[in-house]
Amino acid sequence: MNKIILAICTLLLFSYPASGGSLDALINKNVTRSTQSYQAATLSPTVQPATVAQCWIHIRSDRQQRLAREILETLMKHRYQRGTIEWKPIQKVDTGPQRSQLRYFKRQDQRQAQEIFEVLRALIPQIELSDESAKYENVDWIKSGHYELWLAPDLKRLQRPQ
């Protein structure tokens, strides 16, 4: 892409008459236009990072629906430093970790994951924070701000915050 921009600028430069007008002004104008075109082409909606974090809650049984809703209500009341979190629908799964976990998948999400984890630990003291970034750092279909809360199969009640 940069070679194309350079070629366009070169063609425009050599086709510009030597007399009349400022060559510097033309160069600046062309560089600005080329830069804007390049940015527009590379920052399509499918490439831009998510601006809102997203969290999925995974439960192991129908009885955990109530727990998941209570957790969700508590988490939605909390203000997060990096902005809002979009809470995705609760998902019932057949398999998962034996202990409750909050998972994050990108290194840059560690601070916000820790913040969510602290809120969750008041409700689920045995919860673990699981850094999955080593496995998923170069996976581009998982965006920054992707979190997953997995409830342990034996979780039956929440701790009441003091």
N, C-alpha and C. Protein backbone atom coordinates (compact mmCIF):
# COMPACT_ATOMS: atom_id res chain seq x y z
N MET A 1 0.83 -1.18 0.00
CA MET A 1 0.00 0.00 0.00
C MET A 1 0.88 1.26 0.00
N ASN A 2 1.96 1.24 0.80
CA ASN A 2 2.85 2.40 0.86
C ASN A 2 3.53 2.64 -0.49
N LYS A 3 3.84 1.56 -1.24
CA LYS A 3 4.47 1.72 -2.56
C LYS A 3 3.51 2.39 -3.53
N ILE A 4 2.24 2.06 -3.41
CA ILE A 4 1.23 2.68 -4.27
C ILE A 4 1.14 4.17 -3.99
N ILE A 5 1.12 4.53 -2.72
CA ILE A 5 1.05 5.94 -2.33
C ILE A 5 2.27 6.69 -2.85
N LEU A 6 3.44 6.07 -2.70
CA LEU A 6 4.68 6.68 -3.17
C LEU A 6 4.64 6.87 -4.69
N ALA A 7 4.15 5.88 -5.41
CA ALA A 7 4.06 5.98 -6.88
C ALA A 7 3.12 7.10 -7.30
N ILE A 8 1.98 7.21 -6.63
CA ILE A 8 1.02 8.27 -6.94
C ILE A 8 1.64 9.64 -6.70
N CYS A 9 2.30 9.79 -5.55
CA CYS A 9 2.94 11.07 -5.23
C CYS A 9 4.02 11.41 -6.26
N THR A 10 4.80 10.42 -6.68
CA THR A 10 5.86 10.65 -7.66
C THR A 10 5.27 11.08 -9.00
N LEU A 11 4.22 10.39 -9.45
CA LEU A 11 3.57 10.76 -10.71
C LEU A 11 3.03 12.18 -10.64
N LEU A 12 2.39 12.51 -9.55
CA LEU A 12 1.84 13.86 -9.40
C LEU A 12 2.95 14.90 -9.38
N LEU A 13 4.03 14.57 -8.71
CA LEU A 13 5.15 15.50 -8.61
C LEU A 13 5.74 15.80 -9.99
N PHE A 14 5.95 14.76 -10.81
CA PHE A 14 6.55 14.96 -12.13
C PHE A 14 5.57 15.55 -13.14
N SER A 15 4.29 15.41 -12.90
CA SER A 15 3.32 15.97 -13.85
C SER A 15 2.97 17.42 -13.51
N TYR A 16 3.45 17.92 -12.39
CA TYR A 16 3.15 19.29 -11.97
C TYR A 16 4.04 20.26 -12.74
N PRO A 17 3.48 21.31 -13.34
CA PRO A 17 4.32 22.26 -14.09
C PRO A 17 5.30 22.99 -13.17
N ALA A 18 6.47 23.27 -13.72
CA ALA A 18 7.52 23.91 -12.93
C ALA A 18 7.16 25.33 -12.53
N SER A 19 6.39 26.01 -13.34
CA SER A 19 6.05 27.39 -13.00
C SER A 19 4.64 27.46 -12.43
N GLY A 20 4.44 28.44 -11.57
CA GLY A 20 3.11 28.67 -11.00
C GLY A 20 2.82 27.71 -9.86
N GLY A 21 2.41 28.24 -8.71
CA GLY A 21 2.03 27.42 -7.56
C GLY A 21 3.24 26.95 -6.78
N SER A 22 3.00 26.62 -5.59
CA SER A 22 4.06 26.17 -4.70
C SER A 22 4.17 24.65 -4.72
N LEU A 23 5.36 24.16 -5.04
CA LEU A 23 5.59 22.72 -5.08
C LEU A 23 5.41 22.11 -3.69
N ASP A 24 5.90 22.80 -2.66
CA ASP A 24 5.74 22.31 -1.29
C ASP A 24 4.27 22.16 -0.91
N ALA A 25 3.45 23.13 -1.31
CA ALA A 25 2.02 23.07 -1.00
C ALA A 25 1.38 21.86 -1.68
N LEU A 26 1.75 21.61 -2.93
CA LEU A 26 1.20 20.47 -3.65
C LEU A 26 1.62 19.15 -3.00
N ILE A 27 2.88 19.05 -2.64
CA ILE A 27 3.37 17.84 -1.99
C ILE A 27 2.62 17.60 -0.68
N ASN A 28 2.50 18.64 0.13
CA ASN A 28 1.78 18.50 1.40
C ASN A 28 0.33 18.08 1.18
N LYS A 29 -0.30 18.68 0.19
CA LYS A 29 -1.70 18.36 -0.11
C LYS A 29 -1.83 16.89 -0.53
N ASN A 30 -0.93 16.44 -1.40
CA ASN A 30 -0.98 15.05 -1.88
C ASN A 30 -0.65 14.05 -0.78
N VAL A 31 0.31 14.37 0.04
CA VAL A 31 0.65 13.48 1.15
C VAL A 31 -0.53 13.37 2.11
N THR A 32 -1.18 14.50 2.40
CA THR A 32 -2.34 14.50 3.30
C THR A 32 -3.46 13.65 2.72
N ARG A 33 -3.76 13.84 1.44
CA ARG A 33 -4.83 13.04 0.80
C ARG A 33 -4.48 11.56 0.79
N SER A 34 -3.24 11.24 0.48
CA SER A 34 -2.82 9.84 0.44
C SER A 34 -2.91 9.20 1.82
N THR A 35 -2.49 9.94 2.82
CA THR A 35 -2.57 9.44 4.19
C THR A 35 -4.02 9.19 4.59
N GLN A 36 -4.90 10.12 4.27
CA GLN A 36 -6.32 9.95 4.60
C GLN A 36 -6.91 8.74 3.88
N SER A 37 -6.56 8.56 2.61
CA SER A 37 -7.05 7.41 1.85
C SER A 37 -6.55 6.10 2.46
N TYR A 38 -5.29 6.08 2.83
CA TYR A 38 -4.70 4.89 3.44
C TYR A 38 -5.39 4.56 4.75
N GLN A 39 -5.61 5.57 5.59
CA GLN A 39 -6.28 5.35 6.87
C GLN A 39 -7.71 4.86 6.66
N ALA A 40 -8.41 5.42 5.71
CA ALA A 40 -9.78 5.00 5.44
C ALA A 40 -9.82 3.55 4.97
N ALA A 41 -8.83 3.16 4.17
CA ALA A 41 -8.80 1.79 3.64
C ALA A 41 -8.43 0.77 4.71
N THR A 42 -7.57 1.14 5.64
CA THR A 42 -7.11 0.17 6.64
C THR A 42 -7.94 0.16 7.91
N LEU A 43 -8.75 1.17 8.14
CA LEU A 43 -9.55 1.21 9.36
C LEU A 43 -11.02 0.94 9.07
N SER A 44 -11.28 -0.11 8.34
CA SER A 44 -12.66 -0.47 8.06
C SER A 44 -13.30 -0.98 9.35
N PRO A 45 -14.63 -1.00 9.45
CA PRO A 45 -15.31 -1.45 10.67
C PRO A 45 -14.94 -2.86 11.08
N THR A 46 -14.55 -3.71 10.14
CA THR A 46 -14.20 -5.08 10.50
C THR A 46 -12.81 -5.17 11.13
N VAL A 47 -12.00 -4.15 10.97
CA VAL A 47 -10.64 -4.18 11.50
C VAL A 47 -10.51 -3.41 12.80
N GLN A 48 -11.38 -2.46 13.03
CA GLN A 48 -11.25 -1.62 14.21
C GLN A 48 -11.47 -2.44 15.49
N PRO A 49 -10.69 -2.15 16.54
CA PRO A 49 -10.86 -2.87 17.79
C PRO A 49 -12.19 -2.49 18.45
N ALA A 50 -12.70 -3.42 19.23
CA ALA A 50 -13.95 -3.16 19.95
C ALA A 50 -13.72 -2.06 20.97
N THR A 51 -14.66 -1.14 21.09
CA THR A 51 -14.52 -0.06 22.07
C THR A 51 -15.19 -0.43 23.38
N VAL A 52 -16.07 -1.42 23.35
CA VAL A 52 -16.76 -1.85 24.56
C VAL A 52 -16.33 -3.28 24.85
N ALA A 53 -15.91 -3.52 26.08
CA ALA A 53 -15.54 -4.88 26.47
C ALA A 53 -16.79 -5.76 26.49
N GLN A 54 -16.59 -7.05 26.27
CA GLN A 54 -17.70 -7.99 26.26
C GLN A 54 -17.37 -9.17 27.16
N CYS A 55 -18.39 -9.62 27.91
CA CYS A 55 -18.18 -10.74 28.82
C CYS A 55 -19.32 -11.75 28.66
N TRP A 56 -18.94 -13.00 28.52
CA TRP A 56 -19.89 -14.09 28.43
C TRP A 56 -19.86 -14.86 29.75
N ILE A 57 -21.03 -15.27 30.24
CA ILE A 57 -21.12 -16.07 31.46
C ILE A 57 -21.54 -17.48 31.05
N HIS A 58 -20.75 -18.47 31.48
CA HIS A 58 -21.02 -19.87 31.16
C HIS A 58 -21.45 -20.59 32.44
N ILE A 59 -22.60 -21.25 32.37
CA ILE A 59 -23.10 -22.01 33.51
C ILE A 59 -23.15 -23.48 33.12
N ARG A 60 -23.20 -24.35 34.15
CA ARG A 60 -23.20 -25.79 33.88
C ARG A 60 -24.56 -26.44 34.07
N SER A 61 -25.48 -25.74 34.78
CA SER A 61 -26.81 -26.32 35.00
C SER A 61 -27.86 -25.22 35.00
N ASP A 62 -29.10 -25.61 34.78
CA ASP A 62 -30.20 -24.64 34.79
C ASP A 62 -30.33 -23.97 36.15
N ARG A 63 -29.97 -24.68 37.21
CA ARG A 63 -30.06 -24.11 38.57
C ARG A 63 -29.12 -22.92 38.74
N GLN A 64 -28.11 -22.81 37.94
CA GLN A 64 -27.16 -21.70 38.05
C GLN A 64 -27.64 -20.44 37.33
N GLN A 65 -28.76 -20.50 36.64
CA GLN A 65 -29.32 -19.31 35.97
C GLN A 65 -29.51 -18.17 36.96
N ARG A 66 -30.10 -18.48 38.11
CA ARG A 66 -30.36 -17.45 39.13
C ARG A 66 -29.04 -16.85 39.62
N LEU A 67 -28.05 -17.70 39.88
CA LEU A 67 -26.74 -17.22 40.33
C LEU A 67 -26.12 -16.29 39.27
N ALA A 68 -26.20 -16.71 38.03
CA ALA A 68 -25.62 -15.91 36.94
C ALA A 68 -26.30 -14.55 36.85
N ARG A 69 -27.62 -14.52 37.03
CA ARG A 69 -28.33 -13.23 36.97
C ARG A 69 -27.93 -12.34 38.15
N GLU A 70 -27.75 -12.93 39.34
CA GLU A 70 -27.30 -12.14 40.50
C GLU A 70 -25.90 -11.58 40.27
N ILE A 71 -25.03 -12.40 39.73
CA ILE A 71 -23.67 -11.96 39.42
C ILE A 71 -23.72 -10.82 38.40
N LEU A 72 -24.51 -11.01 37.39
CA LEU A 72 -24.66 -10.01 36.34
C LEU A 72 -25.16 -8.68 36.90
N GLU A 73 -26.16 -8.72 37.77
CA GLU A 73 -26.69 -7.49 38.39
C GLU A 73 -25.60 -6.77 39.18
N THR A 74 -24.82 -7.52 39.94
CA THR A 74 -23.74 -6.93 40.73
C THR A 74 -22.69 -6.31 39.82
N LEU A 75 -22.28 -7.03 38.80
CA LEU A 75 -21.25 -6.54 37.89
C LEU A 75 -21.71 -5.31 37.10
N MET A 76 -22.98 -5.27 36.76
CA MET A 76 -23.50 -4.13 35.99
C MET A 76 -23.57 -2.86 36.82
N LYS A 77 -23.65 -2.98 38.13
CA LYS A 77 -23.69 -1.80 39.01
C LYS A 77 -22.31 -1.16 39.17
N HIS A 78 -21.28 -1.92 38.93
CA HIS A 78 -19.91 -1.45 39.15
C HIS A 78 -19.46 -0.58 37.98
N ARG A 79 -18.74 0.50 38.29
CA ARG A 79 -18.15 1.35 37.25
C ARG A 79 -16.72 0.89 37.02
N TYR A 80 -16.40 0.63 35.78
CA TYR A 80 -15.07 0.14 35.43
C TYR A 80 -14.22 1.27 34.87
N GLN A 81 -12.94 1.25 35.20
CA GLN A 81 -12.02 2.31 34.78
C GLN A 81 -11.99 2.49 33.27
N ARG A 82 -11.97 1.40 32.53
CA ARG A 82 -11.85 1.48 31.07
C ARG A 82 -13.20 1.57 30.38
N GLY A 83 -14.24 1.88 31.10
CA GLY A 83 -15.54 2.06 30.45
C GLY A 83 -16.50 0.92 30.70
N THR A 84 -17.51 0.86 29.89
CA THR A 84 -18.58 -0.09 30.11
C THR A 84 -18.22 -1.48 29.59
N ILE A 85 -18.94 -2.44 30.12
CA ILE A 85 -18.80 -3.82 29.68
C ILE A 85 -20.16 -4.29 29.21
N GLU A 86 -20.19 -4.86 28.03
CA GLU A 86 -21.43 -5.41 27.49
C GLU A 86 -21.53 -6.86 27.95
N TRP A 87 -22.58 -7.16 28.68
CA TRP A 87 -22.76 -8.51 29.21
C TRP A 87 -23.59 -9.31 28.23
N LYS A 88 -23.00 -10.34 27.71
CA LYS A 88 -23.64 -11.19 26.71
C LYS A 88 -24.60 -12.17 27.39
N PRO A 89 -25.49 -12.79 26.61
CA PRO A 89 -26.45 -13.74 27.20
C PRO A 89 -25.75 -14.89 27.92
N ILE A 90 -26.37 -15.37 28.96
CA ILE A 90 -25.85 -16.49 29.75
C ILE A 90 -25.91 -17.74 28.88
N GLN A 91 -24.83 -18.51 28.90
CA GLN A 91 -24.76 -19.71 28.07
C GLN A 91 -24.60 -20.95 28.94
N LYS A 92 -25.46 -21.94 28.72
CA LYS A 92 -25.33 -23.22 29.42
C LYS A 92 -24.42 -24.12 28.59
N VAL A 93 -23.39 -24.67 29.26
CA VAL A 93 -22.41 -25.52 28.58
C VAL A 93 -22.32 -26.87 29.30
N ASP A 94 -21.87 -27.88 28.59
CA ASP A 94 -21.76 -29.22 29.17
C ASP A 94 -20.43 -29.45 29.87
N THR A 95 -19.38 -28.78 29.42
CA THR A 95 -18.06 -28.97 30.01
C THR A 95 -17.43 -27.63 30.31
N GLY A 96 -16.41 -27.68 31.15
CA GLY A 96 -15.70 -26.47 31.52
C GLY A 96 -14.80 -26.74 32.70
N PRO A 97 -14.19 -25.71 33.25
CA PRO A 97 -13.28 -25.90 34.39
C PRO A 97 -14.04 -26.35 35.65
N GLN A 98 -13.35 -27.04 36.52
CA GLN A 98 -13.95 -27.51 37.77
C GLN A 98 -14.07 -26.40 38.81
N ARG A 99 -13.28 -25.34 38.65
CA ARG A 99 -13.37 -24.18 39.55
C ARG A 99 -13.85 -22.98 38.75
N SER A 100 -14.54 -22.07 39.42
CA SER A 100 -15.01 -20.85 38.74
C SER A 100 -13.81 -20.04 38.28
N GLN A 101 -13.90 -19.49 37.08
CA GLN A 101 -12.79 -18.74 36.49
C GLN A 101 -13.31 -17.51 35.75
N LEU A 102 -12.52 -16.45 35.82
CA LEU A 102 -12.68 -15.32 34.91
C LEU A 102 -11.48 -15.41 33.97
N ARG A 103 -11.76 -15.53 32.68
CA ARG A 103 -10.70 -15.67 31.69
C ARG A 103 -10.56 -14.38 30.87
N TYR A 104 -9.31 -14.02 30.59
CA TYR A 104 -9.06 -12.93 29.63
C TYR A 104 -8.05 -13.43 28.62
N PHE A 105 -8.08 -12.84 27.42
CA PHE A 105 -7.39 -13.43 26.28
C PHE A 105 -6.34 -12.54 25.64
N LYS A 106 -6.23 -11.31 26.08
CA LYS A 106 -5.22 -10.39 25.54
C LYS A 106 -4.48 -9.75 26.71
N ARG A 107 -3.16 -9.67 26.56
CA ARG A 107 -2.31 -9.12 27.63
C ARG A 107 -2.76 -7.74 28.09
N GLN A 108 -3.17 -6.89 27.15
CA GLN A 108 -3.55 -5.52 27.50
C GLN A 108 -4.84 -5.47 28.33
N ASP A 109 -5.54 -6.58 28.47
CA ASP A 109 -6.78 -6.62 29.25
C ASP A 109 -6.56 -7.01 30.71
N GLN A 110 -5.32 -7.22 31.11
CA GLN A 110 -5.05 -7.70 32.46
C GLN A 110 -5.61 -6.76 33.53
N ARG A 111 -5.41 -5.47 33.38
CA ARG A 111 -5.86 -4.52 34.40
C ARG A 111 -7.39 -4.56 34.57
N GLN A 112 -8.11 -4.52 33.46
CA GLN A 112 -9.57 -4.56 33.57
C GLN A 112 -10.04 -5.93 34.07
N ALA A 113 -9.37 -7.00 33.66
CA ALA A 113 -9.72 -8.33 34.15
C ALA A 113 -9.54 -8.40 35.67
N GLN A 114 -8.46 -7.81 36.16
CA GLN A 114 -8.21 -7.78 37.61
C GLN A 114 -9.32 -7.01 38.32
N GLU A 115 -9.77 -5.94 37.72
CA GLU A 115 -10.84 -5.12 38.31
C GLU A 115 -12.15 -5.92 38.39
N ILE A 116 -12.50 -6.61 37.31
CA ILE A 116 -13.70 -7.45 37.30
C ILE A 116 -13.54 -8.58 38.31
N PHE A 117 -12.35 -9.17 38.34
CA PHE A 117 -12.05 -10.27 39.25
C PHE A 117 -12.27 -9.88 40.71
N GLU A 118 -11.85 -8.68 41.08
CA GLU A 118 -12.02 -8.22 42.47
C GLU A 118 -13.50 -8.14 42.84
N VAL A 119 -14.33 -7.69 41.92
CA VAL A 119 -15.78 -7.63 42.17
C VAL A 119 -16.31 -9.05 42.32
N LEU A 120 -15.88 -9.95 41.44
CA LEU A 120 -16.35 -11.33 41.48
C LEU A 120 -15.89 -12.07 42.72
N ARG A 121 -14.69 -11.78 43.19
CA ARG A 121 -14.15 -12.49 44.36
C ARG A 121 -14.96 -12.25 45.61
N ALA A 122 -15.64 -11.10 45.68
CA ALA A 122 -16.53 -10.84 46.83
C ALA A 122 -17.74 -11.77 46.80
N LEU A 123 -18.13 -12.21 45.61
CA LEU A 123 -19.28 -13.11 45.46
C LEU A 123 -18.87 -14.58 45.43
N ILE A 124 -17.72 -14.85 44.83
CA ILE A 124 -17.22 -16.22 44.66
C ILE A 124 -15.77 -16.26 45.17
N PRO A 125 -15.56 -16.46 46.47
CA PRO A 125 -14.20 -16.37 47.03
C PRO A 125 -13.19 -17.33 46.38
N GLN A 126 -13.63 -18.46 45.86
CA GLN A 126 -12.71 -19.45 45.28
C GLN A 126 -12.42 -19.22 43.80
N ILE A 127 -12.92 -18.14 43.24
CA ILE A 127 -12.73 -17.89 41.80
C ILE A 127 -11.26 -17.70 41.46
N GLU A 128 -10.89 -18.11 40.26
CA GLU A 128 -9.53 -17.94 39.76
C GLU A 128 -9.54 -16.96 38.59
N LEU A 129 -8.45 -16.22 38.46
CA LEU A 129 -8.25 -15.35 37.30
C LEU A 129 -7.33 -16.11 36.35
N SER A 130 -7.80 -16.37 35.14
CA SER A 130 -7.06 -17.19 34.19
C SER A 130 -6.60 -16.35 33.00
N ASP A 131 -5.27 -16.21 32.88
CA ASP A 131 -4.66 -15.47 31.78
C ASP A 131 -4.47 -16.42 30.60
N GLU A 132 -5.28 -16.25 29.57
CA GLU A 132 -5.23 -17.11 28.38
C GLU A 132 -4.47 -16.43 27.23
N SER A 133 -3.81 -15.30 27.52
CA SER A 133 -3.21 -14.50 26.45
C SER A 133 -2.08 -15.22 25.71
N ALA A 134 -1.34 -16.08 26.37
CA ALA A 134 -0.25 -16.77 25.68
C ALA A 134 -0.79 -17.64 24.54
N LYS A 135 -1.98 -18.20 24.73
CA LYS A 135 -2.58 -19.06 23.71
C LYS A 135 -3.30 -18.26 22.63
N TYR A 136 -3.83 -17.08 22.98
CA TYR A 136 -4.73 -16.36 22.08
C TYR A 136 -4.23 -14.98 21.64
N GLU A 137 -3.02 -14.60 22.02
CA GLU A 137 -2.53 -13.26 21.71
C GLU A 137 -2.52 -12.98 20.21
N ASN A 138 -2.18 -13.96 19.41
CA ASN A 138 -2.09 -13.75 17.96
C ASN A 138 -3.34 -14.20 17.20
N VAL A 139 -4.38 -14.54 17.92
CA VAL A 139 -5.65 -14.91 17.29
C VAL A 139 -6.44 -13.63 17.10
N ASP A 140 -6.70 -13.27 15.84
CA ASP A 140 -7.33 -11.97 15.62
C ASP A 140 -8.85 -12.00 15.65
N TRP A 141 -9.48 -13.16 15.74
CA TRP A 141 -10.94 -13.17 15.87
C TRP A 141 -11.37 -12.97 17.32
N ILE A 142 -10.43 -13.04 18.25
CA ILE A 142 -10.72 -12.66 19.64
C ILE A 142 -10.11 -11.28 19.83
N LYS A 143 -10.96 -10.31 20.08
CA LYS A 143 -10.53 -8.92 20.20
C LYS A 143 -10.19 -8.59 21.66
N SER A 144 -9.45 -7.53 21.83
CA SER A 144 -9.19 -7.00 23.17
C SER A 144 -10.53 -6.67 23.82
N GLY A 145 -10.64 -6.97 25.10
CA GLY A 145 -11.89 -6.70 25.81
C GLY A 145 -12.83 -7.89 25.84
N HIS A 146 -12.33 -9.08 25.49
CA HIS A 146 -13.14 -10.31 25.52
C HIS A 146 -12.86 -11.02 26.84
N TYR A 147 -13.93 -11.22 27.62
CA TYR A 147 -13.82 -11.91 28.91
C TYR A 147 -14.84 -13.03 28.97
N GLU A 148 -14.52 -14.07 29.73
CA GLU A 148 -15.46 -15.16 29.95
C GLU A 148 -15.46 -15.52 31.43
N LEU A 149 -16.66 -15.60 31.99
CA LEU A 149 -16.84 -16.06 33.37
C LEU A 149 -17.40 -17.47 33.30
N TRP A 150 -16.67 -18.42 33.85
CA TRP A 150 -17.08 -19.81 33.88
C TRP A 150 -17.42 -20.17 35.32
N LEU A 151 -18.65 -20.62 35.57
CA LEU A 151 -19.04 -21.02 36.91
C LEU A 151 -18.73 -22.50 37.11
N ALA A 152 -18.16 -22.82 38.28
CA ALA A 152 -17.85 -24.21 38.62
C ALA A 152 -19.15 -25.01 38.69
N PRO A 153 -19.10 -26.30 38.33
CA PRO A 153 -20.33 -27.09 38.33
C PRO A 153 -20.96 -27.23 39.71
N ASP A 154 -20.16 -27.13 40.76
CA ASP A 154 -20.71 -27.29 42.12
C ASP A 154 -21.06 -25.96 42.80
N LEU A 155 -20.99 -24.84 42.09
CA LEU A 155 -21.34 -23.54 42.68
C LEU A 155 -22.86 -23.46 42.83
N LYS A 156 -23.31 -23.36 44.09
CA LYS A 156 -24.75 -23.37 44.36
C LYS A 156 -25.25 -22.07 44.98
N ARG A 157 -24.34 -21.31 45.59
CA ARG A 157 -24.75 -20.02 46.16
C ARG A 157 -23.57 -19.06 46.16
N LEU A 158 -23.93 -17.79 46.27
CA LEU A 158 -22.93 -16.73 46.26
C LEU A 158 -22.69 -16.23 47.67
N GLN A 159 -21.49 -15.73 47.89
CA GLN A 159 -21.15 -15.07 49.14
C GLN A 159 -21.85 -13.71 49.13
N ARG A 160 -22.36 -13.29 50.22
CA ARG A 160 -22.97 -11.96 50.31
C ARG A 160 -21.89 -10.94 50.65
N PRO A 161 -21.74 -9.90 49.81
CA PRO A 161 -20.71 -8.88 50.08
C PRO A 161 -20.94 -8.22 51.44
N GLN A 162 -19.85 -7.94 52.13
CA GLN A 162 -19.92 -7.33 53.47
C GLN A 162 -20.23 -5.86 53.38
